[in-house]
Each structure stands twice: as C-alpha cells, then as structure tokens.
Amino acid sequence: MANTAPNTLIDRAIEACLQCLHWCSACVDEALNDPSRMAGSIRLCHECAPVCSVCASLLSSNSQFAHELCSVCADICEACAAECGQHKHVETMRRCAEACARCATVCREVAKGGPIRKAA
C-alpha cells in the first residue's frame, strides 16, 4: 500500500536532506583545516552528502524506492551527526551535526511509512 503521508512530511524530508547536504559540504571544508583530528567527520560527510542529495531527488520525483533510501540515509545521517557532534566547539561542525540529526529523524519517519507511491 502506498504511503498516504501528507506532502508536508515529504517536503520536510526534502528540505532536511538539502540542509544536510549543505552542512556536510561546509563541514568537510572546515574539517580540512585539521584533517588528522577530523578524518572521521570528513569521511562520513563525504558519504552523507551524496546520499542526502539522491534521497532528495527520489523524494522529489515520488520514487517508489524513496522510503528505502530514506532508511539508509537516516542510518548514515545518525552516524555523521554522532561524529561531527564530537566537535561542537566548531560552529560549522555543530550545525552539521544538528542538520544530520534532523535529517535522520524525518527520513526515519518517511522510511517507516513505506512506499510513497505504488509501483507502476
């Protein structure tokens, strides 16, 4: 059965993914100032950003697979939030951790709702 979740949930997920993409990209740039200490953040942000981008794209096109990618996106975002959250003294990294945590929450909600439309 297709997810009948209000579009507001999908819109929130798209926005959360785009914000996460933005802050992960900014976080990588910031973390490159001290790559030996922040290698974990760089690595996870490099994984998280493209997944968020594809997730936003699939959500925007009402893909029948979006909910599955949202589950993976939530897992990666949770890991990224935990890693970047260890560097809260750096504003960009704190904001990245917050964006990743928000994205994980809303993507998990979409994932639990199942397909957003039926297969063709």
PDB file of N, CA and C in Angstrom:
ATOM      1  N   MET A   1       0.843  -1.186   0.000  1.00  0.00           N
ATOM      2  CA  MET A   1       0.000   0.000   0.000  1.00  0.00           C
ATOM      3  C   MET A   1       0.883   1.243   0.000  1.00  0.00           C
ATOM      4  N   ALA A   2       0.503   2.208  -0.758  1.00  0.00           N
ATOM      5  CA  ALA A   2       1.277   3.448  -0.865  1.00  0.00           C
ATOM      6  C   ALA A   2       1.138   4.277   0.403  1.00  0.00           C
ATOM      7  N   ASN A   3       2.177   4.964   0.708  1.00  0.00           N
ATOM      8  CA  ASN A   3       2.177   5.865   1.851  1.00  0.00           C
ATOM      9  C   ASN A   3       1.250   7.042   1.546  1.00  0.00           C
ATOM     10  N   THR A   4       0.309   7.277   2.427  1.00  0.00           N
ATOM     11  CA  THR A   4      -0.607   8.397   2.240  1.00  0.00           C
ATOM     12  C   THR A   4      -0.215   9.561   3.128  1.00  0.00           C
ATOM     13  N   ALA A   5       1.039   9.573   3.528  1.00  0.00           N
ATOM     14  CA  ALA A   5       1.537  10.657   4.382  1.00  0.00           C
ATOM     15  C   ALA A   5       1.338  11.987   3.676  1.00  0.00           C
ATOM     16  N   PRO A   6       0.985  12.994   4.426  1.00  0.00           N
ATOM     17  CA  PRO A   6       0.812  14.311   3.816  1.00  0.00           C
ATOM     18  C   PRO A   6       2.097  14.754   3.122  1.00  0.00           C
ATOM     19  N   ASN A   7       1.932  15.512   2.075  1.00  0.00           N
ATOM     20  CA  ASN A   7       3.099  16.018   1.360  1.00  0.00           C
ATOM     21  C   ASN A   7       4.008  16.816   2.271  1.00  0.00           C
ATOM     22  N   THR A   8       3.469  17.327   3.364  1.00  0.00           N
ATOM     23  CA  THR A   8       4.316  18.104   4.266  1.00  0.00           C
ATOM     24  C   THR A   8       5.455  17.256   4.807  1.00  0.00           C
ATOM     25  N   LEU A   9       5.229  15.975   5.054  1.00  0.00           N
ATOM     26  CA  LEU A   9       6.298  15.097   5.524  1.00  0.00           C
ATOM     27  C   LEU A   9       7.350  14.944   4.434  1.00  0.00           C
ATOM     28  N   ILE A  10       6.929  14.721   3.221  1.00  0.00           N
ATOM     29  CA  ILE A  10       7.862  14.584   2.107  1.00  0.00           C
ATOM     30  C   ILE A  10       8.611  15.903   1.902  1.00  0.00           C
ATOM     31  N   ASP A  11       7.895  17.007   1.951  1.00  0.00           N
ATOM     32  CA  ASP A  11       8.536  18.323   1.808  1.00  0.00           C
ATOM     33  C   ASP A  11       9.560  18.556   2.918  1.00  0.00           C
ATOM     34  N   ARG A  12       9.220  18.168   4.132  1.00  0.00           N
ATOM     35  CA  ARG A  12      10.154  18.304   5.255  1.00  0.00           C
ATOM     36  C   ARG A  12      11.384  17.433   5.042  1.00  0.00           C
ATOM     37  N   ALA A  13      11.175  16.232   4.523  1.00  0.00           N
ATOM     38  CA  ALA A  13      12.298  15.323   4.274  1.00  0.00           C
ATOM     39  C   ALA A  13      13.208  15.879   3.182  1.00  0.00           C
ATOM     40  N   ILE A  14      12.622  16.412   2.118  1.00  0.00           N
ATOM     41  CA  ILE A  14      13.419  17.002   1.043  1.00  0.00           C
ATOM     42  C   ILE A  14      14.247  18.155   1.597  1.00  0.00           C
ATOM     43  N   GLU A  15      13.619  19.035   2.342  1.00  0.00           N
ATOM     44  CA  GLU A  15      14.323  20.183   2.922  1.00  0.00           C
ATOM     45  C   GLU A  15      15.414  19.724   3.889  1.00  0.00           C
ATOM     46  N   ALA A  16      15.122  18.723   4.710  1.00  0.00           N
ATOM     47  CA  ALA A  16      16.120  18.215   5.662  1.00  0.00           C
ATOM     48  C   ALA A  16      17.315  17.619   4.922  1.00  0.00           C
ATOM     49  N   CYS A  17      17.047  16.896   3.844  1.00  0.00           N
ATOM     50  CA  CYS A  17      18.142  16.321   3.051  1.00  0.00           C
ATOM     51  C   CYS A  17      18.997  17.415   2.431  1.00  0.00           C
ATOM     52  N   LEU A  18      18.353  18.440   1.899  1.00  0.00           N
ATOM     53  CA  LEU A  18      19.107  19.530   1.271  1.00  0.00           C
ATOM     54  C   LEU A  18      19.928  20.311   2.296  1.00  0.00           C
ATOM     55  N   GLN A  19      19.376  20.516   3.479  1.00  0.00           N
ATOM     56  CA  GLN A  19      20.127  21.198   4.542  1.00  0.00           C
ATOM     57  C   GLN A  19      21.314  20.343   4.992  1.00  0.00           C
ATOM     58  N   CYS A  20      21.087  19.050   5.081  1.00  0.00           N
ATOM     59  CA  CYS A  20      22.162  18.139   5.478  1.00  0.00           C
ATOM     60  C   CYS A  20      23.271  18.153   4.421  1.00  0.00           C
ATOM     61  N   LEU A  21      22.890  18.114   3.162  1.00  0.00           N
ATOM     62  CA  LEU A  21      23.861  18.201   2.070  1.00  0.00           C
ATOM     63  C   LEU A  21      24.688  19.482   2.209  1.00  0.00           C
ATOM     64  N   HIS A  22      24.020  20.592   2.439  1.00  0.00           N
ATOM     65  CA  HIS A  22      24.706  21.876   2.587  1.00  0.00           C
ATOM     66  C   HIS A  22      25.702  21.848   3.740  1.00  0.00           C
ATOM     67  N   TRP A  23      25.254  21.424   4.918  1.00  0.00           N
ATOM     68  CA  TRP A  23      26.117  21.478   6.090  1.00  0.00           C
ATOM     69  C   TRP A  23      27.216  20.422   6.056  1.00  0.00           C
ATOM     70  N   CYS A  24      26.956  19.265   5.430  1.00  0.00           N
ATOM     71  CA  CYS A  24      28.036  18.277   5.283  1.00  0.00           C
ATOM     72  C   CYS A  24      29.130  18.826   4.377  1.00  0.00           C
ATOM     73  N   SER A  25      28.743  19.510   3.316  1.00  0.00           N
ATOM     74  CA  SER A  25      29.732  20.100   2.414  1.00  0.00           C
ATOM     75  C   SER A  25      30.545  21.174   3.139  1.00  0.00           C
ATOM     76  N   ALA A  26      29.879  22.019   3.907  1.00  0.00           N
ATOM     77  CA  ALA A  26      30.571  23.055   4.677  1.00  0.00           C
ATOM     78  C   ALA A  26      31.462  22.430   5.752  1.00  0.00           C
ATOM     79  N   CYS A  27      30.996  21.345   6.324  1.00  0.00           N
ATOM     80  CA  CYS A  27      31.752  20.667   7.375  1.00  0.00           C
ATOM     81  C   CYS A  27      33.045  20.080   6.824  1.00  0.00           C
ATOM     82  N   VAL A  28      32.977  19.471   5.644  1.00  0.00           N
ATOM     83  CA  VAL A  28      34.194  18.931   5.030  1.00  0.00           C
ATOM     84  C   VAL A  28      35.201  20.049   4.827  1.00  0.00           C
ATOM     85  N   ASP A  29      34.725  21.160   4.301  1.00  0.00           N
ATOM     86  CA  ASP A  29      35.609  22.297   4.068  1.00  0.00           C
ATOM     87  C   ASP A  29      36.271  22.743   5.378  1.00  0.00           C
ATOM     88  N   GLU A  30      35.500  22.843   6.436  1.00  0.00           N
ATOM     89  CA  GLU A  30      36.018  23.252   7.746  1.00  0.00           C
ATOM     90  C   GLU A  30      36.979  22.203   8.310  1.00  0.00           C
ATOM     91  N   ALA A  31      36.601  20.939   8.197  1.00  0.00           N
ATOM     92  CA  ALA A  31      37.408  19.863   8.780  1.00  0.00           C
ATOM     93  C   ALA A  31      38.754  19.707   8.082  1.00  0.00           C
ATOM     94  N   LEU A  32      38.837  20.136   6.838  1.00  0.00           N
ATOM     95  CA  LEU A  32      40.110  20.042   6.123  1.00  0.00           C
ATOM     96  C   LEU A  32      41.181  20.952   6.727  1.00  0.00           C
ATOM     97  N   ASN A  33      40.790  21.864   7.612  1.00  0.00           N
ATOM     98  CA  ASN A  33      41.758  22.690   8.328  1.00  0.00           C
ATOM     99  C   ASN A  33      42.560  21.860   9.330  1.00  0.00           C
ATOM    100  N   ASP A  34      41.996  20.748   9.770  1.00  0.00           N
ATOM    101  CA  ASP A  34      42.668  19.865  10.723  1.00  0.00           C
ATOM    102  C   ASP A  34      42.300  18.416  10.386  1.00  0.00           C
ATOM    103  N   PRO A  35      42.711  17.935   9.205  1.00  0.00           N
ATOM    104  CA  PRO A  35      42.271  16.625   8.737  1.00  0.00           C
ATOM    105  C   PRO A  35      42.714  15.454   9.603  1.00  0.00           C
ATOM    106  N   SER A  36      43.837  15.582  10.304  1.00  0.00           N
ATOM    107  CA  SER A  36      44.281  14.462  11.130  1.00  0.00           C
ATOM    108  C   SER A  36      43.348  14.234  12.317  1.00  0.00           C
ATOM    109  N   ARG A  37      42.789  15.310  12.842  1.00  0.00           N
ATOM    110  CA  ARG A  37      41.903  15.208  14.004  1.00  0.00           C
ATOM    111  C   ARG A  37      40.453  14.983  13.606  1.00  0.00           C
ATOM    112  N   MET A  38      40.106  15.364  12.389  1.00  0.00           N
ATOM    113  CA  MET A  38      38.704  15.316  11.971  1.00  0.00           C
ATOM    114  C   MET A  38      38.476  14.402  10.777  1.00  0.00           C
ATOM    115  N   ALA A  39      39.327  13.409  10.602  1.00  0.00           N
ATOM    116  CA  ALA A  39      39.217  12.488   9.469  1.00  0.00           C
ATOM    117  C   ALA A  39      37.872  11.754   9.468  1.00  0.00           C
ATOM    118  N   GLY A  40      37.388  11.382  10.635  1.00  0.00           N
ATOM    119  CA  GLY A  40      36.106  10.680  10.718  1.00  0.00           C
ATOM    120  C   GLY A  40      34.957  11.531  10.210  1.00  0.00           C
ATOM    121  N   SER A  41      34.986  12.802  10.544  1.00  0.00           N
ATOM    122  CA  SER A  41      33.938  13.712  10.068  1.00  0.00           C
ATOM    123  C   SER A  41      34.017  13.881   8.555  1.00  0.00           C
ATOM    124  N   ILE A  42      35.218  14.031   8.046  1.00  0.00           N
ATOM    125  CA  ILE A  42      35.387  14.189   6.601  1.00  0.00           C
ATOM    126  C   ILE A  42      34.849  12.958   5.886  1.00  0.00           C
ATOM    127  N   ARG A  43      35.221  11.799   6.358  1.00  0.00           N
ATOM    128  CA  ARG A  43      34.795  10.542   5.742  1.00  0.00           C
ATOM    129  C   ARG A  43      33.268  10.413   5.755  1.00  0.00           C
ATOM    130  N   LEU A  44      32.658  10.624   6.897  1.00  0.00           N
ATOM    131  CA  LEU A  44      31.204  10.462   6.989  1.00  0.00           C
ATOM    132  C   LEU A  44      30.452  11.533   6.216  1.00  0.00           C
ATOM    133  N   CYS A  45      30.936  12.757   6.242  1.00  0.00           N
ATOM    134  CA  CYS A  45      30.277  13.812   5.470  1.00  0.00           C
ATOM    135  C   CYS A  45      30.366  13.529   3.977  1.00  0.00           C
ATOM    136  N   HIS A  46      31.476  12.934   3.542  1.00  0.00           N
ATOM    137  CA  HIS A  46      31.620  12.558   2.137  1.00  0.00           C
ATOM    138  C   HIS A  46      30.652  11.444   1.760  1.00  0.00           C
ATOM    139  N   GLU A  47      30.253  10.622   2.698  1.00  0.00           N
ATOM    140  CA  GLU A  47      29.249   9.585   2.445  1.00  0.00           C
ATOM    141  C   GLU A  47      27.840  10.149   2.567  1.00  0.00           C
ATOM    142  N   CYS A  48      27.649  10.990   3.553  1.00  0.00           N
ATOM    143  CA  CYS A  48      26.321  11.510   3.867  1.00  0.00           C
ATOM    144  C   CYS A  48      25.793  12.464   2.793  1.00  0.00           C
ATOM    145  N   ALA A  49      26.617  13.380   2.335  1.00  0.00           N
ATOM    146  CA  ALA A  49      26.169  14.403   1.384  1.00  0.00           C
ATOM    147  C   ALA A  49      25.562  13.814   0.108  1.00  0.00           C
ATOM    148  N   PRO A  50      26.233  12.885  -0.585  1.00  0.00           N
ATOM    149  CA  PRO A  50      25.630  12.374  -1.814  1.00  0.00           C
ATOM    150  C   PRO A  50      24.372  11.542  -1.564  1.00  0.00           C
ATOM    151  N   VAL A  51      24.328  10.839  -0.446  1.00  0.00           N
ATOM    152  CA  VAL A  51      23.128  10.061  -0.138  1.00  0.00           C
ATOM    153  C   VAL A  51      21.948  11.003   0.090  1.00  0.00           C
ATOM    154  N   CYS A  52      22.186  12.101   0.799  1.00  0.00           N
ATOM    155  CA  CYS A  52      21.125  13.090   1.021  1.00  0.00           C
ATOM    156  C   CYS A  52      20.668  13.705  -0.297  1.00  0.00           C
ATOM    157  N   SER A  53      21.601  13.952  -1.193  1.00  0.00           N
ATOM    158  CA  SER A  53      21.267  14.523  -2.490  1.00  0.00           C
ATOM    159  C   SER A  53      20.364  13.577  -3.289  1.00  0.00           C
ATOM    160  N   VAL A  54      20.737  12.311  -3.357  1.00  0.00           N
ATOM    161  CA  VAL A  54      19.936  11.331  -4.099  1.00  0.00           C
ATOM    162  C   VAL A  54      18.597  11.120  -3.401  1.00  0.00           C
ATOM    163  N   CYS A  55      18.597  11.114  -2.106  1.00  0.00           N
ATOM    164  CA  CYS A  55      17.351  10.947  -1.345  1.00  0.00           C
ATOM    165  C   CYS A  55      16.381  12.086  -1.671  1.00  0.00           C
ATOM    166  N   ALA A  56      16.868  13.317  -1.666  1.00  0.00           N
ATOM    167  CA  ALA A  56      16.019  14.466  -2.001  1.00  0.00           C
ATOM    168  C   ALA A  56      15.480  14.327  -3.419  1.00  0.00           C
ATOM    169  N   SER A  57      16.306  13.847  -4.322  1.00  0.00           N
ATOM    170  CA  SER A  57      15.885  13.667  -5.710  1.00  0.00           C
ATOM    171  C   SER A  57      14.785  12.609  -5.823  1.00  0.00           C
ATOM    172  N   LEU A  58      14.972  11.481  -5.174  1.00  0.00           N
ATOM    173  CA  LEU A  58      13.953  10.420  -5.236  1.00  0.00           C
ATOM    174  C   LEU A  58      12.658  10.855  -4.560  1.00  0.00           C
ATOM    175  N   LEU A  59      12.770  11.571  -3.458  1.00  0.00           N
ATOM    176  CA  LEU A  59      11.571  12.080  -2.793  1.00  0.00           C
ATOM    177  C   LEU A  59      10.845  13.075  -3.687  1.00  0.00           C
ATOM    178  N   SER A  60      11.599  13.921  -4.367  1.00  0.00           N
ATOM    179  CA  SER A  60      11.001  14.935  -5.243  1.00  0.00           C
ATOM    180  C   SER A  60      10.252  14.310  -6.407  1.00  0.00           C
ATOM    181  N   SER A  61      10.722  13.168  -6.865  1.00  0.00           N
ATOM    182  CA  SER A  61      10.074  12.516  -8.010  1.00  0.00           C
ATOM    183  C   SER A  61       9.076  11.432  -7.592  1.00  0.00           C
ATOM    184  N   ASN A  62       8.778  11.364  -6.301  1.00  0.00           N
ATOM    185  CA  ASN A  62       7.834  10.372  -5.779  1.00  0.00           C
ATOM    186  C   ASN A  62       8.228   8.944  -6.125  1.00  0.00           C
ATOM    187  N   SER A  63       9.513   8.666  -6.106  1.00  0.00           N
ATOM    188  CA  SER A  63      10.014   7.337  -6.422  1.00  0.00           C
ATOM    189  C   SER A  63       9.455   6.294  -5.460  1.00  0.00           C
ATOM    190  N   GLN A  64       9.133   5.140  -6.016  1.00  0.00           N
ATOM    191  CA  GLN A  64       8.665   4.038  -5.181  1.00  0.00           C
ATOM    192  C   GLN A  64       9.765   3.498  -4.262  1.00  0.00           C
ATOM    193  N   PHE A  65      11.023   3.892  -4.520  1.00  0.00           N
ATOM    194  CA  PHE A  65      12.154   3.429  -3.726  1.00  0.00           C
ATOM    195  C   PHE A  65      12.631   4.455  -2.702  1.00  0.00           C
ATOM    196  N   ALA A  66      12.017   5.614  -2.680  1.00  0.00           N
ATOM    197  CA  ALA A  66      12.471   6.698  -1.805  1.00  0.00           C
ATOM    198  C   ALA A  66      12.486   6.279  -0.341  1.00  0.00           C
ATOM    199  N   HIS A  67      11.461   5.567   0.089  1.00  0.00           N
ATOM    200  CA  HIS A  67      11.401   5.173   1.506  1.00  0.00           C
ATOM    201  C   HIS A  67      12.569   4.260   1.879  1.00  0.00           C
ATOM    202  N   GLU A  68      13.003   3.414   0.948  1.00  0.00           N
ATOM    203  CA  GLU A  68      14.127   2.526   1.226  1.00  0.00           C
ATOM    204  C   GLU A  68      15.424   3.317   1.354  1.00  0.00           C
ATOM    205  N   LEU A  69      15.626   4.268   0.452  1.00  0.00           N
ATOM    206  CA  LEU A  69      16.825   5.106   0.551  1.00  0.00           C
ATOM    207  C   LEU A  69      16.757   5.973   1.804  1.00  0.00           C
ATOM    208  N   CYS A  70      15.559   6.414   2.179  1.00  0.00           N
ATOM    209  CA  CYS A  70      15.421   7.209   3.404  1.00  0.00           C
ATOM    210  C   CYS A  70      15.912   6.436   4.622  1.00  0.00           C
ATOM    211  N   SER A  71      15.704   5.133   4.643  1.00  0.00           N
ATOM    212  CA  SER A  71      16.174   4.318   5.757  1.00  0.00           C
ATOM    213  C   SER A  71      17.697   4.328   5.819  1.00  0.00           C
ATOM    214  N   VAL A  72      18.344   4.143   4.677  1.00  0.00           N
ATOM    215  CA  VAL A  72      19.805   4.185   4.603  1.00  0.00           C
ATOM    216  C   VAL A  72      20.301   5.587   4.949  1.00  0.00           C
ATOM    217  N   CYS A  73      19.637   6.590   4.414  1.00  0.00           N
ATOM    218  CA  CYS A  73      20.010   7.980   4.673  1.00  0.00           C
ATOM    219  C   CYS A  73      19.955   8.266   6.174  1.00  0.00           C
ATOM    220  N   ALA A  74      18.929   7.793   6.829  1.00  0.00           N
ATOM    221  CA  ALA A  74      18.803   8.008   8.273  1.00  0.00           C
ATOM    222  C   ALA A  74      19.971   7.370   9.025  1.00  0.00           C
ATOM    223  N   ASP A  75      20.360   6.170   8.617  1.00  0.00           N
ATOM    224  CA  ASP A  75      21.491   5.493   9.277  1.00  0.00           C
ATOM    225  C   ASP A  75      22.781   6.288   9.112  1.00  0.00           C
ATOM    226  N   ILE A  76      23.047   6.727   7.890  1.00  0.00           N
ATOM    227  CA  ILE A  76      24.277   7.484   7.631  1.00  0.00           C
ATOM    228  C   ILE A  76      24.233   8.824   8.353  1.00  0.00           C
ATOM    229  N   CYS A  77      23.080   9.490   8.320  1.00  0.00           N
ATOM    230  CA  CYS A  77      22.952  10.783   8.997  1.00  0.00           C
ATOM    231  C   CYS A  77      23.158  10.655  10.509  1.00  0.00           C
ATOM    232  N   GLU A  78      22.651   9.579  11.101  1.00  0.00           N
ATOM    233  CA  GLU A  78      22.851   9.365  12.536  1.00  0.00           C
ATOM    234  C   GLU A  78      24.335   9.203  12.857  1.00  0.00           C
ATOM    235  N   ALA A  79      25.038   8.431  12.035  1.00  0.00           N
ATOM    236  CA  ALA A  79      26.471   8.234  12.248  1.00  0.00           C
ATOM    237  C   ALA A  79      27.233   9.546  12.069  1.00  0.00           C
ATOM    238  N   CYS A  80      26.852  10.301  11.053  1.00  0.00           N
ATOM    239  CA  CYS A  80      27.519  11.572  10.779  1.00  0.00           C
ATOM    240  C   CYS A  80      27.247  12.575  11.908  1.00  0.00           C
ATOM    241  N   ALA A  81      26.023  12.608  12.388  1.00  0.00           N
ATOM    242  CA  ALA A  81      25.680  13.511  13.496  1.00  0.00           C
ATOM    243  C   ALA A  81      26.498  13.182  14.738  1.00  0.00           C
ATOM    244  N   ALA A  82      26.658  11.897  15.013  1.00  0.00           N
ATOM    245  CA  ALA A  82      27.436  11.488  16.184  1.00  0.00           C
ATOM    246  C   ALA A  82      28.899  11.893  16.032  1.00  0.00           C
ATOM    247  N   GLU A  83      29.454  11.685  14.842  1.00  0.00           N
ATOM    248  CA  GLU A  83      30.866  12.011  14.614  1.00  0.00           C
ATOM    249  C   GLU A  83      31.100  13.518  14.652  1.00  0.00           C
ATOM    250  N   CYS A  84      30.318  14.266  13.893  1.00  0.00           N
ATOM    251  CA  CYS A  84      30.519  15.719  13.842  1.00  0.00           C
ATOM    252  C   CYS A  84      30.141  16.375  15.162  1.00  0.00           C
ATOM    253  N   GLY A  85      29.223  15.750  15.894  1.00  0.00           N
ATOM    254  CA  GLY A  85      28.812  16.258  17.192  1.00  0.00           C
ATOM    255  C   GLY A  85      29.925  16.227  18.231  1.00  0.00           C
ATOM    256  N   GLN A  86      30.983  15.482  17.948  1.00  0.00           N
ATOM    257  CA  GLN A  86      32.127  15.439  18.862  1.00  0.00           C
ATOM    258  C   GLN A  86      32.954  16.718  18.775  1.00  0.00           C
ATOM    259  N   HIS A  87      32.669  17.542  17.772  1.00  0.00           N
ATOM    260  CA  HIS A  87      33.436  18.774  17.548  1.00  0.00           C
ATOM    261  C   HIS A  87      32.526  19.996  17.654  1.00  0.00           C
ATOM    262  N   LYS A  88      31.666  20.009  18.669  1.00  0.00           N
ATOM    263  CA  LYS A  88      30.685  21.093  18.817  1.00  0.00           C
ATOM    264  C   LYS A  88      31.321  22.455  19.048  1.00  0.00           C
ATOM    265  N   HIS A  89      32.578  22.463  19.396  1.00  0.00           N
ATOM    266  CA  HIS A  89      33.286  23.737  19.592  1.00  0.00           C
ATOM    267  C   HIS A  89      33.516  24.446  18.256  1.00  0.00           C
ATOM    268  N   VAL A  90      33.347  23.738  17.151  1.00  0.00           N
ATOM    269  CA  VAL A  90      33.476  24.322  15.816  1.00  0.00           C
ATOM    270  C   VAL A  90      32.056  24.532  15.285  1.00  0.00           C
ATOM    271  N   GLU A  91      31.680  25.776  15.089  1.00  0.00           N
ATOM    272  CA  GLU A  91      30.302  26.135  14.710  1.00  0.00           C
ATOM    273  C   GLU A  91      29.785  25.334  13.512  1.00  0.00           C
ATOM    274  N   THR A  92      30.569  25.243  12.467  1.00  0.00           N
ATOM    275  CA  THR A  92      30.130  24.534  11.260  1.00  0.00           C
ATOM    276  C   THR A  92      29.846  23.075  11.562  1.00  0.00           C
ATOM    277  N   MET A  93      30.688  22.474  12.358  1.00  0.00           N
ATOM    278  CA  MET A  93      30.510  21.057  12.676  1.00  0.00           C
ATOM    279  C   MET A  93      29.309  20.846  13.592  1.00  0.00           C
ATOM    280  N   ARG A  94      29.079  21.783  14.479  1.00  0.00           N
ATOM    281  CA  ARG A  94      27.890  21.707  15.338  1.00  0.00           C
ATOM    282  C   ARG A  94      26.631  21.786  14.473  1.00  0.00           C
ATOM    283  N   ARG A  95      26.628  22.709  13.522  1.00  0.00           N
ATOM    284  CA  ARG A  95      25.467  22.878  12.645  1.00  0.00           C
ATOM    285  C   ARG A  95      25.284  21.657  11.747  1.00  0.00           C
ATOM    286  N   CYS A  96      26.377  21.060  11.325  1.00  0.00           N
ATOM    287  CA  CYS A  96      26.308  19.836  10.531  1.00  0.00           C
ATOM    288  C   CYS A  96      25.667  18.715  11.350  1.00  0.00           C
ATOM    289  N   ALA A  97      26.122  18.558  12.577  1.00  0.00           N
ATOM    290  CA  ALA A  97      25.571  17.514  13.446  1.00  0.00           C
ATOM    291  C   ALA A  97      24.075  17.728  13.657  1.00  0.00           C
ATOM    292  N   GLU A  98      23.660  18.963  13.855  1.00  0.00           N
ATOM    293  CA  GLU A  98      22.235  19.268  14.043  1.00  0.00           C
ATOM    294  C   GLU A  98      21.435  18.962  12.774  1.00  0.00           C
ATOM    295  N   ALA A  99      21.966  19.356  11.616  1.00  0.00           N
ATOM    296  CA  ALA A  99      21.273  19.104  10.349  1.00  0.00           C
ATOM    297  C   ALA A  99      21.166  17.607  10.087  1.00  0.00           C
ATOM    298  N   CYS A 100      22.227  16.876  10.374  1.00  0.00           N
ATOM    299  CA  CYS A 100      22.211  15.428  10.183  1.00  0.00           C
ATOM    300  C   CYS A 100      21.202  14.758  11.118  1.00  0.00           C
ATOM    301  N   ALA A 101      21.141  15.211  12.352  1.00  0.00           N
ATOM    302  CA  ALA A 101      20.183  14.633  13.304  1.00  0.00           C
ATOM    303  C   ALA A 101      18.746  14.898  12.863  1.00  0.00           C
ATOM    304  N   ARG A 102      18.465  16.121  12.383  1.00  0.00           N
ATOM    305  CA  ARG A 102      17.112  16.432  11.887  1.00  0.00           C
ATOM    306  C   ARG A 102      16.774  15.574  10.671  1.00  0.00           C
ATOM    307  N   CYS A 103      17.732  15.439   9.770  1.00  0.00           N
ATOM    308  CA  CYS A 103      17.517  14.653   8.563  1.00  0.00           C
ATOM    309  C   CYS A 103      17.258  13.183   8.926  1.00  0.00           C
ATOM    310  N   ALA A 104      18.030  12.656   9.848  1.00  0.00           N
ATOM    311  CA  ALA A 104      17.837  11.270  10.274  1.00  0.00           C
ATOM    312  C   ALA A 104      16.432  11.055  10.816  1.00  0.00           C
ATOM    313  N   THR A 105      15.962  11.994  11.622  1.00  0.00           N
ATOM    314  CA  THR A 105      14.633  11.860  12.228  1.00  0.00           C
ATOM    315  C   THR A 105      13.530  11.843  11.180  1.00  0.00           C
ATOM    316  N   VAL A 106      13.551  12.799  10.273  1.00  0.00           N
ATOM    317  CA  VAL A 106      12.477  12.887   9.281  1.00  0.00           C
ATOM    318  C   VAL A 106      12.589  11.765   8.253  1.00  0.00           C
ATOM    319  N   CYS A 107      13.807  11.390   7.869  1.00  0.00           N
ATOM    320  CA  CYS A 107      13.965  10.277   6.922  1.00  0.00           C
ATOM    321  C   CYS A 107      13.504   8.963   7.548  1.00  0.00           C
ATOM    322  N   ARG A 108      13.768   8.790   8.824  1.00  0.00           N
ATOM    323  CA  ARG A 108      13.297   7.581   9.516  1.00  0.00           C
ATOM    324  C   ARG A 108      11.766   7.532   9.488  1.00  0.00           C
ATOM    325  N   GLU A 109      11.131   8.688   9.655  1.00  0.00           N
ATOM    326  CA  GLU A 109       9.670   8.766   9.619  1.00  0.00           C
ATOM    327  C   GLU A 109       9.144   8.388   8.224  1.00  0.00           C
ATOM    328  N   VAL A 110       9.774   8.890   7.185  1.00  0.00           N
ATOM    329  CA  VAL A 110       9.371   8.545   5.816  1.00  0.00           C
ATOM    330  C   VAL A 110       9.576   7.056   5.576  1.00  0.00           C
ATOM    331  N   ALA A 111      10.719   6.526   6.014  1.00  0.00           N
ATOM    332  CA  ALA A 111      11.030   5.105   5.816  1.00  0.00           C
ATOM    333  C   ALA A 111       9.991   4.201   6.465  1.00  0.00           C
ATOM    334  N   LYS A 112       9.554   4.576   7.642  1.00  0.00           N
ATOM    335  CA  LYS A 112       8.549   3.767   8.358  1.00  0.00           C
ATOM    336  C   LYS A 112       7.204   3.783   7.654  1.00  0.00           C
ATOM    337  N   GLY A 113       6.948   4.830   6.859  1.00  0.00           N
ATOM    338  CA  GLY A 113       5.666   4.953   6.161  1.00  0.00           C
ATOM    339  C   GLY A 113       5.539   4.088   4.933  1.00  0.00           C
ATOM    340  N   GLY A 114       6.638   3.507   4.475  1.00  0.00           N
ATOM    341  CA  GLY A 114       6.599   2.647   3.294  1.00  0.00           C
ATOM    342  C   GLY A 114       6.612   3.459   2.015  1.00  0.00           C
ATOM    343  N   PRO A 115       6.378   2.762   0.903  1.00  0.00           N
ATOM    344  CA  PRO A 115       6.454   3.448  -0.416  1.00  0.00           C
ATOM    345  C   PRO A 115       5.565   4.667  -0.458  1.00  0.00           C
ATOM    346  N   ILE A 116       6.064   5.728  -1.117  1.00  0.00           N
ATOM    347  CA  ILE A 116       5.266   6.948  -1.209  1.00  0.00           C
ATOM    348  C   ILE A 116       4.325   6.897  -2.407  1.00  0.00           C
ATOM    349  N   ARG A 117       4.492   5.900  -3.265  1.00  0.00           N
ATOM    350  CA  ARG A 117       3.528   5.633  -4.316  1.00  0.00           C
ATOM    351  C   ARG A 117       3.659   4.167  -4.734  1.00  0.00           C
ATOM    352  N   LYS A 118       2.642   3.652  -5.344  1.00  0.00           N
ATOM    353  CA  LYS A 118       2.662   2.265  -5.778  1.00  0.00           C
ATOM    354  C   LYS A 118       3.531   2.105  -7.017  1.00  0.00           C
ATOM    355  N   ALA A 119       4.068   0.911  -7.164  1.00  0.00           N
ATOM    356  CA  ALA A 119       4.860   0.590  -8.356  1.00  0.00           C
ATOM    357  C   ALA A 119       3.964   0.719  -9.590  1.00  0.00           C
ATOM    358  N   ALA A 120       4.563   1.102 -10.701  1.00  0.00           N
ATOM    359  CA  ALA A 120       3.807   1.271 -11.946  1.00  0.00           C
ATOM    360  C   ALA A 120       3.360  -0.070 -12.489  1.00  0.00           C
TER     361      ALA A 120
END
